[in-house]
Amino acid sequence: FISVIAELEAACGVTFELEELNISAWETVGDL
């Protein structure tokens, strides 16, 4: 999941907050 977040940050030019790095912070793919 961390690799997903890292790839999203690189591909989309965004930054996720520390509390967003845990998979349990998200319910669905749509939320992400």
PDB file of all heavy atoms in Angstrom:
ATOM      1  N   PHE A   1       0.825  -1.198   0.000  1.00  0.00           N
ATOM      2  CA  PHE A   1       0.000   0.000   0.000  1.00  0.00           C
ATOM      3  C   PHE A   1       0.865   1.256   0.000  1.00  0.00           C
ATOM      4  O   PHE A   1       0.569   2.227  -0.696  1.00  0.00           O
ATOM      5  CB  PHE A   1      -0.976   0.014   1.184  1.00  0.00           C
ATOM      6  CG  PHE A   1      -1.896   1.204   1.155  1.00  0.00           C
ATOM      7  CD1 PHE A   1      -2.913   1.270   0.212  1.00  0.00           C
ATOM      8  CD2 PHE A   1      -1.737   2.248   2.034  1.00  0.00           C
ATOM      9  CE1 PHE A   1      -3.761   2.373   0.154  1.00  0.00           C
ATOM     10  CE2 PHE A   1      -2.574   3.349   1.988  1.00  0.00           C
ATOM     11  CZ  PHE A   1      -3.586   3.411   1.048  1.00  0.00           C
ATOM     12  N   ILE A   2       1.954   1.230   0.759  1.00  0.00           N
ATOM     13  CA  ILE A   2       2.882   2.369   0.758  1.00  0.00           C
ATOM     14  C   ILE A   2       3.471   2.563  -0.639  1.00  0.00           C
ATOM     15  O   ILE A   2       3.638   3.700  -1.094  1.00  0.00           O
ATOM     16  CB  ILE A   2       4.008   2.175   1.807  1.00  0.00           C
ATOM     17  CG1 ILE A   2       3.434   2.247   3.216  1.00  0.00           C
ATOM     18  CG2 ILE A   2       5.126   3.194   1.618  1.00  0.00           C
ATOM     19  CD1 ILE A   2       2.864   3.598   3.598  1.00  0.00           C
ATOM     20  N   SER A   3       3.745   1.468  -1.342  1.00  0.00           N
ATOM     21  CA  SER A   3       4.266   1.607  -2.705  1.00  0.00           C
ATOM     22  C   SER A   3       3.214   2.208  -3.629  1.00  0.00           C
ATOM     23  O   SER A   3       3.551   2.980  -4.533  1.00  0.00           O
ATOM     24  CB  SER A   3       4.787   0.274  -3.247  1.00  0.00           C
ATOM     25  OG  SER A   3       3.738  -0.604  -3.558  1.00  0.00           O
ATOM     26  N   VAL A   4       1.928   1.901  -3.401  1.00  0.00           N
ATOM     27  CA  VAL A   4       0.838   2.529  -4.162  1.00  0.00           C
ATOM     28  C   VAL A   4       0.851   4.035  -3.916  1.00  0.00           C
ATOM     29  O   VAL A   4       0.801   4.831  -4.857  1.00  0.00           O
ATOM     30  CB  VAL A   4      -0.537   1.929  -3.772  1.00  0.00           C
ATOM     31  CG1 VAL A   4      -1.681   2.793  -4.278  1.00  0.00           C
ATOM     32  CG2 VAL A   4      -0.677   0.508  -4.280  1.00  0.00           C
ATOM     33  N   ILE A   5       0.919   4.426  -2.654  1.00  0.00           N
ATOM     34  CA  ILE A   5       0.921   5.845  -2.305  1.00  0.00           C
ATOM     35  C   ILE A   5       2.128   6.556  -2.936  1.00  0.00           C
ATOM     36  O   ILE A   5       1.988   7.637  -3.517  1.00  0.00           O
ATOM     37  CB  ILE A   5       0.919   6.037  -0.769  1.00  0.00           C
ATOM     38  CG1 ILE A   5      -0.382   5.508  -0.155  1.00  0.00           C
ATOM     39  CG2 ILE A   5       1.144   7.497  -0.401  1.00  0.00           C
ATOM     40  CD1 ILE A   5      -1.637   6.248  -0.575  1.00  0.00           C
ATOM     41  N   ALA A   6       3.293   5.942  -2.845  1.00  0.00           N
ATOM     42  CA  ALA A   6       4.503   6.548  -3.419  1.00  0.00           C
ATOM     43  C   ALA A   6       4.364   6.714  -4.928  1.00  0.00           C
ATOM     44  O   ALA A   6       4.751   7.750  -5.493  1.00  0.00           O
ATOM     45  CB  ALA A   6       5.726   5.708  -3.080  1.00  0.00           C
ATOM     46  N   GLU A   7       3.800   5.714  -5.588  1.00  0.00           N
ATOM     47  CA  GLU A   7       3.622   5.804  -7.035  1.00  0.00           C
ATOM     48  C   GLU A   7       2.579   6.861  -7.403  1.00  0.00           C
ATOM     49  O   GLU A   7       2.744   7.591  -8.378  1.00  0.00           O
ATOM     50  CB  GLU A   7       3.242   4.449  -7.623  1.00  0.00           C
ATOM     51  CG  GLU A   7       3.339   4.445  -9.123  1.00  0.00           C
ATOM     52  CD  GLU A   7       3.318   3.063  -9.749  1.00  0.00           C
ATOM     53  OE1 GLU A   7       3.527   2.068  -9.036  1.00  0.00           O
ATOM     54  OE2 GLU A   7       3.081   3.000 -10.968  1.00  0.00           O
ATOM     55  N   LEU A   8       1.509   6.953  -6.601  1.00  0.00           N
ATOM     56  CA  LEU A   8       0.508   7.997  -6.840  1.00  0.00           C
ATOM     57  C   LEU A   8       1.119   9.384  -6.675  1.00  0.00           C
ATOM     58  O   LEU A   8       0.843  10.285  -7.471  1.00  0.00           O
ATOM     59  CB  LEU A   8      -0.676   7.842  -5.890  1.00  0.00           C
ATOM     60  CG  LEU A   8      -1.606   6.659  -6.136  1.00  0.00           C
ATOM     61  CD1 LEU A   8      -2.676   6.597  -5.059  1.00  0.00           C
ATOM     62  CD2 LEU A   8      -2.233   6.747  -7.518  1.00  0.00           C
ATOM     63  N   GLU A   9       1.951   9.544  -5.654  1.00  0.00           N
ATOM     64  CA  GLU A   9       2.599  10.838  -5.432  1.00  0.00           C
ATOM     65  C   GLU A   9       3.479  11.210  -6.627  1.00  0.00           C
ATOM     66  O   GLU A   9       3.450  12.347  -7.100  1.00  0.00           O
ATOM     67  CB  GLU A   9       3.415  10.813  -4.142  1.00  0.00           C
ATOM     68  CG  GLU A   9       2.562  10.818  -2.889  1.00  0.00           C
ATOM     69  CD  GLU A   9       3.368  10.837  -1.609  1.00  0.00           C
ATOM     70  OE1 GLU A   9       4.515  10.322  -1.586  1.00  0.00           O
ATOM     71  OE2 GLU A   9       2.841  11.370  -0.620  1.00  0.00           O
ATOM     72  N   ALA A  10       4.243  10.247  -7.115  1.00  0.00           N
ATOM     73  CA  ALA A  10       5.144  10.508  -8.237  1.00  0.00           C
ATOM     74  C   ALA A  10       4.372  10.736  -9.538  1.00  0.00           C
ATOM     75  O   ALA A  10       4.681  11.659 -10.295  1.00  0.00           O
ATOM     76  CB  ALA A  10       6.125   9.347  -8.406  1.00  0.00           C
ATOM     77  N   ALA A  11       3.362   9.919  -9.797  1.00  0.00           N
ATOM     78  CA  ALA A  11       2.629   9.998 -11.060  1.00  0.00           C
ATOM     79  C   ALA A  11       1.709  11.210 -11.140  1.00  0.00           C
ATOM     80  O   ALA A  11       1.510  11.769 -12.222  1.00  0.00           O
ATOM     81  CB  ALA A  11       1.813   8.718 -11.258  1.00  0.00           C
ATOM     82  N   CYS A  12       1.168  11.612  -9.993  1.00  0.00           N
ATOM     83  CA  CYS A  12       0.162  12.683  -9.992  1.00  0.00           C
ATOM     84  C   CYS A  12       0.669  13.990  -9.409  1.00  0.00           C
ATOM     85  O   CYS A  12      -0.062  14.988  -9.402  1.00  0.00           O
ATOM     86  CB  CYS A  12      -1.073  12.219  -9.226  1.00  0.00           C
ATOM     87  SG  CYS A  12      -1.799  10.715  -9.892  1.00  0.00           S
ATOM     88  N   GLY A  13       1.886  14.006  -8.890  1.00  0.00           N
ATOM     89  CA  GLY A  13       2.444  15.226  -8.325  1.00  0.00           C
ATOM     90  C   GLY A  13       1.723  15.699  -7.076  1.00  0.00           C
ATOM     91  O   GLY A  13       1.519  16.891  -6.884  1.00  0.00           O
ATOM     92  N   VAL A  14       1.318  14.741  -6.235  1.00  0.00           N
ATOM     93  CA  VAL A  14       0.602  15.067  -4.997  1.00  0.00           C
ATOM     94  C   VAL A  14       1.404  14.579  -3.798  1.00  0.00           C
ATOM     95  O   VAL A  14       2.365  13.824  -3.956  1.00  0.00           O
ATOM     96  CB  VAL A  14      -0.816  14.438  -4.977  1.00  0.00           C
ATOM     97  CG1 VAL A  14      -1.670  14.987  -6.108  1.00  0.00           C
ATOM     98  CG2 VAL A  14      -0.752  12.916  -5.043  1.00  0.00           C
ATOM     99  N   THR A  15       0.981  14.994  -2.610  1.00  0.00           N
ATOM    100  CA  THR A  15       1.610  14.546  -1.378  1.00  0.00           C
ATOM    101  C   THR A  15       0.522  14.098  -0.414  1.00  0.00           C
ATOM    102  O   THR A  15      -0.457  14.815  -0.206  1.00  0.00           O
ATOM    103  CB  THR A  15       2.423  15.680  -0.733  1.00  0.00           C
ATOM    104  OG1 THR A  15       3.402  16.129  -1.673  1.00  0.00           O
ATOM    105  CG2 THR A  15       3.109  15.213   0.538  1.00  0.00           C
ATOM    106  N   PHE A  16       0.691  12.921   0.147  1.00  0.00           N
ATOM    107  CA  PHE A  16      -0.235  12.404   1.143  1.00  0.00           C
ATOM    108  C   PHE A  16       0.308  12.695   2.535  1.00  0.00           C
ATOM    109  O   PHE A  16       1.512  12.669   2.755  1.00  0.00           O
ATOM    110  CB  PHE A  16      -0.442  10.895   0.957  1.00  0.00           C
ATOM    111  CG  PHE A  16      -1.304  10.564  -0.224  1.00  0.00           C
ATOM    112  CD1 PHE A  16      -0.757  10.415  -1.484  1.00  0.00           C
ATOM    113  CD2 PHE A  16      -2.672  10.417  -0.079  1.00  0.00           C
ATOM    114  CE1 PHE A  16      -1.543  10.128  -2.580  1.00  0.00           C
ATOM    115  CE2 PHE A  16      -3.471  10.124  -1.166  1.00  0.00           C
ATOM    116  CZ  PHE A  16      -2.907   9.978  -2.422  1.00  0.00           C
ATOM    117  N   GLU A  17      -0.588  12.982   3.449  1.00  0.00           N
ATOM    118  CA  GLU A  17      -0.225  13.247   4.839  1.00  0.00           C
ATOM    119  C   GLU A  17       0.106  11.929   5.534  1.00  0.00           C
ATOM    120  O   GLU A  17      -0.313  10.854   5.098  1.00  0.00           O
ATOM    121  CB  GLU A  17      -1.377  13.942   5.563  1.00  0.00           C
ATOM    122  CG  GLU A  17      -1.787  15.263   4.950  1.00  0.00           C
ATOM    123  CD  GLU A  17      -0.674  16.291   4.923  1.00  0.00           C
ATOM    124  OE1 GLU A  17       0.121  16.349   5.892  1.00  0.00           O
ATOM    125  OE2 GLU A  17      -0.580  17.028   3.932  1.00  0.00           O
ATOM    126  N   LEU A  18       0.822  12.006   6.642  1.00  0.00           N
ATOM    127  CA  LEU A  18       1.253  10.827   7.386  1.00  0.00           C
ATOM    128  C   LEU A  18       0.076   9.923   7.753  1.00  0.00           C
ATOM    129  O   LEU A  18       0.150   8.705   7.605  1.00  0.00           O
ATOM    130  CB  LEU A  18       2.017  11.254   8.639  1.00  0.00           C
ATOM    131  CG  LEU A  18       2.695  10.164   9.433  1.00  0.00           C
ATOM    132  CD1 LEU A  18       3.696   9.394   8.572  1.00  0.00           C
ATOM    133  CD2 LEU A  18       3.397  10.733  10.647  1.00  0.00           C
ATOM    134  N   GLU A  19      -1.023  10.512   8.208  1.00  0.00           N
ATOM    135  CA  GLU A  19      -2.182   9.698   8.614  1.00  0.00           C
ATOM    136  C   GLU A  19      -2.873   9.021   7.427  1.00  0.00           C
ATOM    137  O   GLU A  19      -3.644   8.090   7.614  1.00  0.00           O
ATOM    138  CB  GLU A  19      -3.187  10.526   9.419  1.00  0.00           C
ATOM    139  CG  GLU A  19      -3.785  11.698   8.689  1.00  0.00           C
ATOM    140  CD  GLU A  19      -2.982  12.987   8.821  1.00  0.00           C
ATOM    141  OE1 GLU A  19      -1.878  12.989   9.415  1.00  0.00           O
ATOM    142  OE2 GLU A  19      -3.457  14.005   8.311  1.00  0.00           O
ATOM    143  N   GLU A  20      -2.567   9.450   6.208  1.00  0.00           N
ATOM    144  CA  GLU A  20      -3.153   8.842   5.011  1.00  0.00           C
ATOM    145  C   GLU A  20      -2.331   7.665   4.493  1.00  0.00           C
ATOM    146  O   GLU A  20      -2.730   7.010   3.533  1.00  0.00           O
ATOM    147  CB  GLU A  20      -3.283   9.883   3.901  1.00  0.00           C
ATOM    148  CG  GLU A  20      -4.230  11.016   4.229  1.00  0.00           C
ATOM    149  CD  GLU A  20      -4.247  12.092   3.173  1.00  0.00           C
ATOM    150  OE1 GLU A  20      -3.163  12.622   2.815  1.00  0.00           O
ATOM    151  OE2 GLU A  20      -5.354  12.414   2.712  1.00  0.00           O
ATOM    152  N   LEU A  21      -1.209   7.378   5.122  1.00  0.00           N
ATOM    153  CA  LEU A  21      -0.331   6.312   4.653  1.00  0.00           C
ATOM    154  C   LEU A  21      -0.739   4.934   5.145  1.00  0.00           C
ATOM    155  O   LEU A  21      -0.153   3.935   4.745  1.00  0.00           O
ATOM    156  CB  LEU A  21       1.112   6.596   5.067  1.00  0.00           C
ATOM    157  CG  LEU A  21       1.702   7.913   4.575  1.00  0.00           C
ATOM    158  CD1 LEU A  21       3.138   8.043   5.025  1.00  0.00           C
ATOM    159  CD2 LEU A  21       1.570   8.056   3.070  1.00  0.00           C
ATOM    160  N   ASN A  22      -1.737   4.861   5.989  1.00  0.00           N
ATOM    161  CA  ASN A  22      -2.218   3.592   6.516  1.00  0.00           C
ATOM    162  C   ASN A  22      -3.425   3.146   5.709  1.00  0.00           C
ATOM    163  O   ASN A  22      -4.374   3.903   5.528  1.00  0.00           O
ATOM    164  CB  ASN A  22      -2.593   3.761   7.997  1.00  0.00           C
ATOM    165  CG  ASN A  22      -2.866   2.447   8.674  1.00  0.00           C
ATOM    166  OD1 ASN A  22      -3.307   1.490   8.050  1.00  0.00           O
ATOM    167  ND2 ASN A  22      -2.607   2.403   9.962  1.00  0.00           N
ATOM    168  N   ILE A  23      -3.417   1.909   5.259  1.00  0.00           N
ATOM    169  CA  ILE A  23      -4.514   1.402   4.434  1.00  0.00           C
ATOM    170  C   ILE A  23      -5.860   1.480   5.153  1.00  0.00           C
ATOM    171  O   ILE A  23      -6.896   1.664   4.530  1.00  0.00           O
ATOM    172  CB  ILE A  23      -4.216  -0.041   3.940  1.00  0.00           C
ATOM    173  CG1 ILE A  23      -5.177  -0.427   2.802  1.00  0.00           C
ATOM    174  CG2 ILE A  23      -4.252  -1.023   5.093  1.00  0.00           C
ATOM    175  CD1 ILE A  23      -4.785  -1.691   2.082  1.00  0.00           C
ATOM    176  N   SER A  24      -5.848   1.407   6.468  1.00  0.00           N
ATOM    177  CA  SER A  24      -7.108   1.463   7.225  1.00  0.00           C
ATOM    178  C   SER A  24      -7.720   2.867   7.226  1.00  0.00           C
ATOM    179  O   SER A  24      -8.864   3.040   7.635  1.00  0.00           O
ATOM    180  CB  SER A  24      -6.903   0.967   8.655  1.00  0.00           C
ATOM    181  OG  SER A  24      -6.019   1.811   9.346  1.00  0.00           O
ATOM    182  N   ALA A  25      -6.990   3.863   6.736  1.00  0.00           N
ATOM    183  CA  ALA A  25      -7.528   5.223   6.629  1.00  0.00           C
ATOM    184  C   ALA A  25      -8.481   5.343   5.435  1.00  0.00           C
ATOM    185  O   ALA A  25      -9.173   6.335   5.298  1.00  0.00           O
ATOM    186  CB  ALA A  25      -6.388   6.227   6.497  1.00  0.00           C
ATOM    187  N   TRP A  26      -8.516   4.327   4.601  1.00  0.00           N
ATOM    188  CA  TRP A  26      -9.307   4.343   3.373  1.00  0.00           C
ATOM    189  C   TRP A  26     -10.271   3.181   3.347  1.00  0.00           C
ATOM    190  O   TRP A  26      -9.933   2.076   3.782  1.00  0.00           O
ATOM    191  CB  TRP A  26      -8.386   4.251   2.164  1.00  0.00           C
ATOM    192  CG  TRP A  26      -7.308   5.269   2.183  1.00  0.00           C
ATOM    193  CD1 TRP A  26      -6.032   5.105   2.652  1.00  0.00           C
ATOM    194  CD2 TRP A  26      -7.403   6.619   1.760  1.00  0.00           C
ATOM    195  NE1 TRP A  26      -5.330   6.275   2.530  1.00  0.00           N
ATOM    196  CE2 TRP A  26      -6.159   7.224   1.984  1.00  0.00           C
ATOM    197  CE3 TRP A  26      -8.426   7.380   1.205  1.00  0.00           C
ATOM    198  CZ2 TRP A  26      -5.900   8.551   1.662  1.00  0.00           C
ATOM    199  CZ3 TRP A  26      -8.164   8.699   0.883  1.00  0.00           C
ATOM    200  CH2 TRP A  26      -6.918   9.261   1.114  1.00  0.00           C
ATOM    201  N   GLU A  27     -11.464   3.381   2.773  1.00  0.00           N
ATOM    202  CA  GLU A  27     -12.416   2.282   2.650  1.00  0.00           C
ATOM    203  C   GLU A  27     -12.361   1.654   1.259  1.00  0.00           C
ATOM    204  O   GLU A  27     -12.165   0.452   1.134  1.00  0.00           O
ATOM    205  CB  GLU A  27     -13.833   2.755   2.955  1.00  0.00           C
ATOM    206  CG  GLU A  27     -14.816   1.600   2.970  1.00  0.00           C
ATOM    207  CD  GLU A  27     -16.196   2.002   3.421  1.00  0.00           C
ATOM    208  OE1 GLU A  27     -16.357   3.073   4.006  1.00  0.00           O
ATOM    209  OE2 GLU A  27     -17.112   1.219   3.183  1.00  0.00           O
ATOM    210  N   THR A  28     -12.517   2.481   0.226  1.00  0.00           N
ATOM    211  CA  THR A  28     -12.590   1.933  -1.129  1.00  0.00           C
ATOM    212  C   THR A  28     -11.538   2.555  -2.043  1.00  0.00           C
ATOM    213  O   THR A  28     -10.955   3.590  -1.733  1.00  0.00           O
ATOM    214  CB  THR A  28     -13.974   2.189  -1.758  1.00  0.00           C
ATOM    215  OG1 THR A  28     -14.143   3.599  -1.952  1.00  0.00           O
ATOM    216  CG2 THR A  28     -15.101   1.628  -0.906  1.00  0.00           C
ATOM    217  N   VAL A  29     -11.375   1.920  -3.179  1.00  0.00           N
ATOM    218  CA  VAL A  29     -10.501   2.453  -4.220  1.00  0.00           C
ATOM    219  C   VAL A  29     -11.024   3.826  -4.649  1.00  0.00           C
ATOM    220  O   VAL A  29     -10.249   4.759  -4.867  1.00  0.00           O
ATOM    221  CB  VAL A  29     -10.427   1.474  -5.419  1.00  0.00           C
ATOM    222  CG1 VAL A  29      -9.738   2.111  -6.605  1.00  0.00           C
ATOM    223  CG2 VAL A  29      -9.738   0.179  -5.004  1.00  0.00           C
ATOM    224  N   GLY A  30     -12.341   3.968  -4.725  1.00  0.00           N
ATOM    225  CA  GLY A  30     -12.944   5.241  -5.103  1.00  0.00           C
ATOM    226  C   GLY A  30     -12.577   6.366  -4.155  1.00  0.00           C
ATOM    227  O   GLY A  30     -12.365   7.509  -4.588  1.00  0.00           O
ATOM    228  N   ASP A  31     -12.489   6.066  -2.860  1.00  0.00           N
ATOM    229  CA  ASP A  31     -12.081   7.077  -1.876  1.00  0.00           C
ATOM    230  C   ASP A  31     -10.667   7.579  -2.168  1.00  0.00           C
ATOM    231  O   ASP A  31     -10.389   8.774  -2.093  1.00  0.00           O
ATOM    232  CB  ASP A  31     -12.131   6.520  -0.453  1.00  0.00           C
ATOM    233  CG  ASP A  31     -13.524   6.159   0.002  1.00  0.00           C
ATOM    234  OD1 ASP A  31     -14.507   6.729  -0.528  1.00  0.00           O
ATOM    235  OD2 ASP A  31     -13.637   5.301   0.899  1.00  0.00           O
ATOM    236  N   LEU A  32      -9.795   6.655  -2.501  1.00  0.00           N
ATOM    237  CA  LEU A  32      -8.407   7.010  -2.813  1.00  0.00           C
ATOM    238  C   LEU A  32      -8.335   7.818  -4.113  1.00  0.00           C
ATOM    239  O   LEU A  32      -7.576   8.781  -4.218  1.00  0.00           O
ATOM    240  CB  LEU A  32      -7.554   5.743  -2.903  1.00  0.00           C
ATOM    241  CG  LEU A  32      -6.049   5.904  -2.936  1.00  0.00           C
ATOM    242  CD1 LEU A  32      -5.534   6.726  -1.771  1.00  0.00           C
ATOM    243  CD2 LEU A  32      -5.371   4.543  -2.951  1.00  0.00           C
TER     244      LEU A  32
END
